[in-house]
Amino acid sequence: MSTNRPKINIDSVDRSMLRLLQDDGALSNAALGEKLSLSVTPCWRRRKHLEDQGVVTGYQANIDRRTIGLSLLAFVQIRIHIHSDKSADNFESVMQSRPEVLSCHKITGDADYMLQVVASDLDAYGDFIERVLRKQTGVASIQSSLALREVKFSSRFPIPDEA
């Protein structure tokens, strides 16, 4: 599955809309239109177009992980010793299905994959390593780095003024 998407041409109003939606995805079309000096229908059309083109892929609430008991954040580097399409597909499929895996990236360098994983504590994280990661075919090494303090977290992208 290719993840390369063509770049979408968006104008300054679309860029402003994206900034506002990243700040508050729950904005109604009426409130969004008011902030953009648009009536509801053109605002809805622009928003729908951004969604249909895959620029806006969804809406979610931002949750402080610690308040729901996920105090451990780990960055995990995985090296694979069996490089086959089947083992990579299986590994990626398992990672996509695991709720504790926030992100999984195929990377360059010493490791093959970089994961961002949350857990309630060190014991729960250890269980994840033993029950999930060590059971994956082809995994040669697992290197974990635990976050001691979160200096910055954002899921917002910088929206350039022009493309």
C-alpha atoms as a PDB file:
ATOM      1  CA  MET A   1       0.000   0.000   0.000  1.00  0.00           C
ATOM      2  CA  SER A   2       1.530   3.291  -1.080  1.00  0.00           C
ATOM      3  CA  THR A   3       1.306   6.150   1.380  1.00  0.00           C
ATOM      4  CA  ASN A   4       2.390   8.795  -1.123  1.00  0.00           C
ATOM      5  CA  ARG A   5      -0.445  11.193  -1.752  1.00  0.00           C
ATOM      6  CA  PRO A   6      -0.371  14.015  -4.236  1.00  0.00           C
ATOM      7  CA  LYS A   7      -0.040  17.474  -2.762  1.00  0.00           C
ATOM      8  CA  ILE A   8      -3.366  19.300  -2.740  1.00  0.00           C
ATOM      9  CA  ASN A   9      -3.525  22.937  -3.797  1.00  0.00           C
ATOM     10  CA  ILE A  10      -5.164  24.978  -1.078  1.00  0.00           C
ATOM     11  CA  ASP A  11      -5.648  28.715  -0.794  1.00  0.00           C
ATOM     12  CA  SER A  12      -5.222  31.095   2.142  1.00  0.00           C
ATOM     13  CA  VAL A  13      -8.814  30.560   3.347  1.00  0.00           C
ATOM     14  CA  ASP A  14      -8.276  26.773   3.381  1.00  0.00           C
ATOM     15  CA  ARG A  15      -5.029  27.282   5.311  1.00  0.00           C
ATOM     16  CA  SER A  16      -6.803  29.446   7.866  1.00  0.00           C
ATOM     17  CA  MET A  17      -9.541  26.829   8.127  1.00  0.00           C
ATOM     18  CA  LEU A  18      -6.951  24.104   8.766  1.00  0.00           C
ATOM     19  CA  ARG A  19      -5.306  26.160  11.518  1.00  0.00           C
ATOM     20  CA  LEU A  20      -8.664  26.758  13.194  1.00  0.00           C
ATOM     21  CA  LEU A  21      -9.705  23.105  12.912  1.00  0.00           C
ATOM     22  CA  GLN A  22      -6.416  21.946  14.424  1.00  0.00           C
ATOM     23  CA  ASP A  23      -7.094  24.236  17.386  1.00  0.00           C
ATOM     24  CA  ASP A  24     -10.701  23.046  17.737  1.00  0.00           C
ATOM     25  CA  GLY A  25     -11.996  20.256  15.503  1.00  0.00           C
ATOM     26  CA  ALA A  26     -15.425  20.537  17.123  1.00  0.00           C
ATOM     27  CA  LEU A  27     -16.095  23.991  15.630  1.00  0.00           C
ATOM     28  CA  SER A  28     -19.464  24.085  13.934  1.00  0.00           C
ATOM     29  CA  ASN A  29     -19.606  25.281  10.339  1.00  0.00           C
ATOM     30  CA  ALA A  30     -21.406  28.393  11.564  1.00  0.00           C
ATOM     31  CA  ALA A  31     -18.670  29.244  14.089  1.00  0.00           C
ATOM     32  CA  LEU A  32     -15.930  28.342  11.623  1.00  0.00           C
ATOM     33  CA  GLY A  33     -17.550  30.433   8.900  1.00  0.00           C
ATOM     34  CA  GLU A  34     -17.845  33.394  11.264  1.00  0.00           C
ATOM     35  CA  LYS A  35     -14.134  33.241  12.077  1.00  0.00           C
ATOM     36  CA  LEU A  36     -13.313  33.005   8.346  1.00  0.00           C
ATOM     37  CA  SER A  37     -15.883  35.618   7.243  1.00  0.00           C
ATOM     38  CA  LEU A  38     -17.763  32.994   5.222  1.00  0.00           C
ATOM     39  CA  SER A  39     -21.418  32.072   5.256  1.00  0.00           C
ATOM     40  CA  VAL A  40     -22.285  28.534   6.417  1.00  0.00           C
ATOM     41  CA  THR A  41     -22.720  26.929   2.979  1.00  0.00           C
ATOM     42  CA  PRO A  42     -19.377  27.990   1.436  1.00  0.00           C
ATOM     43  CA  CYS A  43     -17.680  27.110   4.724  1.00  0.00           C
ATOM     44  CA  TRP A  44     -19.272  23.638   4.679  1.00  0.00           C
ATOM     45  CA  ARG A  45     -18.246  23.145   1.012  1.00  0.00           C
ATOM     46  CA  ARG A  46     -14.613  24.059   1.713  1.00  0.00           C
ATOM     47  CA  ARG A  47     -14.494  21.838   4.801  1.00  0.00           C
ATOM     48  CA  LYS A  48     -16.083  18.949   2.910  1.00  0.00           C
ATOM     49  CA  HIS A  49     -13.622  19.407   0.029  1.00  0.00           C
ATOM     50  CA  LEU A  50     -10.662  19.256   2.455  1.00  0.00           C
ATOM     51  CA  GLU A  51     -12.124  16.081   3.965  1.00  0.00           C
ATOM     52  CA  ASP A  52     -12.866  14.493   0.571  1.00  0.00           C
ATOM     53  CA  GLN A  53      -9.328  15.248  -0.661  1.00  0.00           C
ATOM     54  CA  GLY A  54      -7.816  13.558   2.396  1.00  0.00           C
ATOM     55  CA  VAL A  55      -6.329  16.757   3.820  1.00  0.00           C
ATOM     56  CA  VAL A  56      -8.537  16.458   6.920  1.00  0.00           C
ATOM     57  CA  THR A  57      -8.580  12.777   7.842  1.00  0.00           C
ATOM     58  CA  GLY A  58     -10.687  12.894  11.000  1.00  0.00           C
ATOM     59  CA  TYR A  59     -11.472  14.656  14.255  1.00  0.00           C
ATOM     60  CA  GLN A  60     -10.620  13.623  17.781  1.00  0.00           C
ATOM     61  CA  ALA A  61     -10.384  14.906  21.323  1.00  0.00           C
ATOM     62  CA  ASN A  62      -6.884  15.453  22.687  1.00  0.00           C
ATOM     63  CA  ILE A  63      -6.526  13.557  25.965  1.00  0.00           C
ATOM     64  CA  ASP A  64      -3.818  13.870  28.585  1.00  0.00           C
ATOM     65  CA  ARG A  65      -2.633  10.247  28.710  1.00  0.00           C
ATOM     66  CA  ARG A  66      -1.581  10.515  32.354  1.00  0.00           C
ATOM     67  CA  THR A  67      -5.121  11.361  33.495  1.00  0.00           C
ATOM     68  CA  ILE A  68      -6.342   8.015  32.148  1.00  0.00           C
ATOM     69  CA  GLY A  69      -3.538   6.016  33.707  1.00  0.00           C
ATOM     70  CA  LEU A  70      -1.035   5.822  30.830  1.00  0.00           C
ATOM     71  CA  SER A  71       1.984   7.245  32.622  1.00  0.00           C
ATOM     72  CA  LEU A  72       4.687   5.408  30.653  1.00  0.00           C
ATOM     73  CA  LEU A  73       5.706   6.543  27.174  1.00  0.00           C
ATOM     74  CA  ALA A  74       8.338   4.528  25.323  1.00  0.00           C
ATOM     75  CA  PHE A  75      10.137   4.987  22.030  1.00  0.00           C
ATOM     76  CA  VAL A  76      11.014   1.558  20.717  1.00  0.00           C
ATOM     77  CA  GLN A  77      13.470   0.706  17.962  1.00  0.00           C
ATOM     78  CA  ILE A  78      12.937  -2.670  16.303  1.00  0.00           C
ATOM     79  CA  ARG A  79      15.516  -4.424  14.143  1.00  0.00           C
ATOM     80  CA  ILE A  80      14.311  -7.207  11.879  1.00  0.00           C
ATOM     81  CA  HIS A  81      16.645 -10.022  10.812  1.00  0.00           C
ATOM     82  CA  ILE A  82      14.277 -11.674   8.343  1.00  0.00           C
ATOM     83  CA  HIS A  83      13.559  -9.165   5.595  1.00  0.00           C
ATOM     84  CA  SER A  84      10.646 -10.515   3.625  1.00  0.00           C
ATOM     85  CA  ASP A  85       7.454  -8.869   2.474  1.00  0.00           C
ATOM     86  CA  LYS A  86       5.405 -11.382   4.462  1.00  0.00           C
ATOM     87  CA  SER A  87       7.192 -10.812   7.781  1.00  0.00           C
ATOM     88  CA  ALA A  88       7.099  -7.016   7.313  1.00  0.00           C
ATOM     89  CA  ASP A  89       3.391  -7.114   6.406  1.00  0.00           C
ATOM     90  CA  ASN A  90       2.644  -9.295   9.443  1.00  0.00           C
ATOM     91  CA  PHE A  91       4.643  -7.059  11.786  1.00  0.00           C
ATOM     92  CA  GLU A  92       2.991  -3.895  10.455  1.00  0.00           C
ATOM     93  CA  SER A  93      -0.470  -5.448  10.664  1.00  0.00           C
ATOM     94  CA  VAL A  94       0.037  -6.393  14.312  1.00  0.00           C
ATOM     95  CA  MET A  95       1.367  -2.919  15.164  1.00  0.00           C
ATOM     96  CA  GLN A  96      -1.640  -1.294  13.458  1.00  0.00           C
ATOM     97  CA  SER A  97      -3.988  -3.415  15.558  1.00  0.00           C
ATOM     98  CA  ARG A  98      -2.398  -2.677  18.947  1.00  0.00           C
ATOM     99  CA  PRO A  99      -4.024   0.231  20.814  1.00  0.00           C
ATOM    100  CA  GLU A 100      -0.917   0.852  22.935  1.00  0.00           C
ATOM    101  CA  VAL A 101       1.104   1.565  19.780  1.00  0.00           C
ATOM    102  CA  LEU A 102       0.487   5.242  19.066  1.00  0.00           C
ATOM    103  CA  SER A 103       2.729   5.310  16.008  1.00  0.00           C
ATOM    104  CA  CYS A 104       4.835   2.895  13.995  1.00  0.00           C
ATOM    105  CA  HIS A 105       7.269   4.107  11.356  1.00  0.00           C
ATOM    106  CA  LYS A 106       9.500   2.213   8.942  1.00  0.00           C
ATOM    107  CA  ILE A 107      12.778   4.101   9.251  1.00  0.00           C
ATOM    108  CA  THR A 108      16.323   4.328   7.949  1.00  0.00           C
ATOM    109  CA  GLY A 109      19.405   3.801  10.084  1.00  0.00           C
ATOM    110  CA  ASP A 110      20.304   1.047  12.540  1.00  0.00           C
ATOM    111  CA  ALA A 111      16.704   0.081  13.254  1.00  0.00           C
ATOM    112  CA  ASP A 112      13.968  -0.922  10.839  1.00  0.00           C
ATOM    113  CA  TYR A 113      10.988   0.423  12.799  1.00  0.00           C
ATOM    114  CA  MET A 114      10.381   3.105  15.410  1.00  0.00           C
ATOM    115  CA  LEU A 115       7.346   2.743  17.664  1.00  0.00           C
ATOM    116  CA  GLN A 116       5.773   5.100  20.143  1.00  0.00           C
ATOM    117  CA  VAL A 117       4.090   3.027  22.854  1.00  0.00           C
ATOM    118  CA  VAL A 118       2.084   3.907  25.971  1.00  0.00           C
ATOM    119  CA  ALA A 119       1.466   1.768  29.038  1.00  0.00           C
ATOM    120  CA  SER A 120       0.172   2.220  32.560  1.00  0.00           C
ATOM    121  CA  ASP A 121       3.512   1.335  34.132  1.00  0.00           C
ATOM    122  CA  LEU A 122       6.771  -0.547  33.619  1.00  0.00           C
ATOM    123  CA  ASP A 123       5.144  -3.935  34.325  1.00  0.00           C
ATOM    124  CA  ALA A 124       2.467  -3.357  31.671  1.00  0.00           C
ATOM    125  CA  TYR A 125       5.137  -2.241  29.215  1.00  0.00           C
ATOM    126  CA  GLY A 126       7.191  -5.361  29.985  1.00  0.00           C
ATOM    127  CA  ASP A 127       4.096  -7.496  29.309  1.00  0.00           C
ATOM    128  CA  PHE A 128       3.676  -5.760  25.933  1.00  0.00           C
ATOM    129  CA  ILE A 129       7.307  -6.508  25.056  1.00  0.00           C
ATOM    130  CA  GLU A 130       6.953 -10.186  26.029  1.00  0.00           C
ATOM    131  CA  ARG A 131       3.407 -10.871  24.753  1.00  0.00           C
ATOM    132  CA  VAL A 132       3.548  -8.845  21.537  1.00  0.00           C
ATOM    133  CA  LEU A 133       6.939  -7.693  20.319  1.00  0.00           C
ATOM    134  CA  ARG A 134       9.047 -10.757  21.155  1.00  0.00           C
ATOM    135  CA  LYS A 135       6.460 -13.011  19.459  1.00  0.00           C
ATOM    136  CA  GLN A 136       6.823 -11.286  16.083  1.00  0.00           C
ATOM    137  CA  THR A 137       8.599 -13.323  13.415  1.00  0.00           C
ATOM    138  CA  GLY A 138      11.941 -11.893  12.416  1.00  0.00           C
ATOM    139  CA  VAL A 139      12.482  -9.500  15.324  1.00  0.00           C
ATOM    140  CA  ALA A 140      16.227  -9.438  15.994  1.00  0.00           C
ATOM    141  CA  SER A 141      16.382  -6.718  18.647  1.00  0.00           C
ATOM    142  CA  ILE A 142      14.196  -4.392  20.661  1.00  0.00           C
ATOM    143  CA  GLN A 143      15.676  -1.209  22.098  1.00  0.00           C
ATOM    144  CA  SER A 144      13.506   0.932  24.352  1.00  0.00           C
ATOM    145  CA  SER A 145      13.957   4.502  25.478  1.00  0.00           C
ATOM    146  CA  LEU A 146      11.541   5.656  28.168  1.00  0.00           C
ATOM    147  CA  ALA A 147      10.394   9.264  28.323  1.00  0.00           C
ATOM    148  CA  LEU A 148      11.418  10.855  31.613  1.00  0.00           C
ATOM    149  CA  ARG A 149       9.575  14.118  31.018  1.00  0.00           C
ATOM    150  CA  GLU A 150       7.450  15.396  28.171  1.00  0.00           C
ATOM    151  CA  VAL A 151       8.921  18.706  27.070  1.00  0.00           C
ATOM    152  CA  LYS A 152       6.550  19.237  24.155  1.00  0.00           C
ATOM    153  CA  PHE A 153       3.712  17.287  22.605  1.00  0.00           C
ATOM    154  CA  SER A 154       1.653  18.325  19.621  1.00  0.00           C
ATOM    155  CA  SER A 155      -0.351  16.625  16.953  1.00  0.00           C
ATOM    156  CA  ARG A 156      -0.747  19.921  15.100  1.00  0.00           C
ATOM    157  CA  PHE A 157       1.130  20.522  11.871  1.00  0.00           C
ATOM    158  CA  PRO A 158       2.563  23.912  10.952  1.00  0.00           C
ATOM    159  CA  ILE A 159       0.398  25.193   8.109  1.00  0.00           C
ATOM    160  CA  PRO A 160       2.589  27.279   5.789  1.00  0.00           C
ATOM    161  CA  ASP A 161       1.240  30.599   4.549  1.00  0.00           C
ATOM    162  CA  GLU A 162       1.900  29.509   0.954  1.00  0.00           C
ATOM    163  CA  ALA A 163       2.799  26.254  -0.723  1.00  0.00           C
END
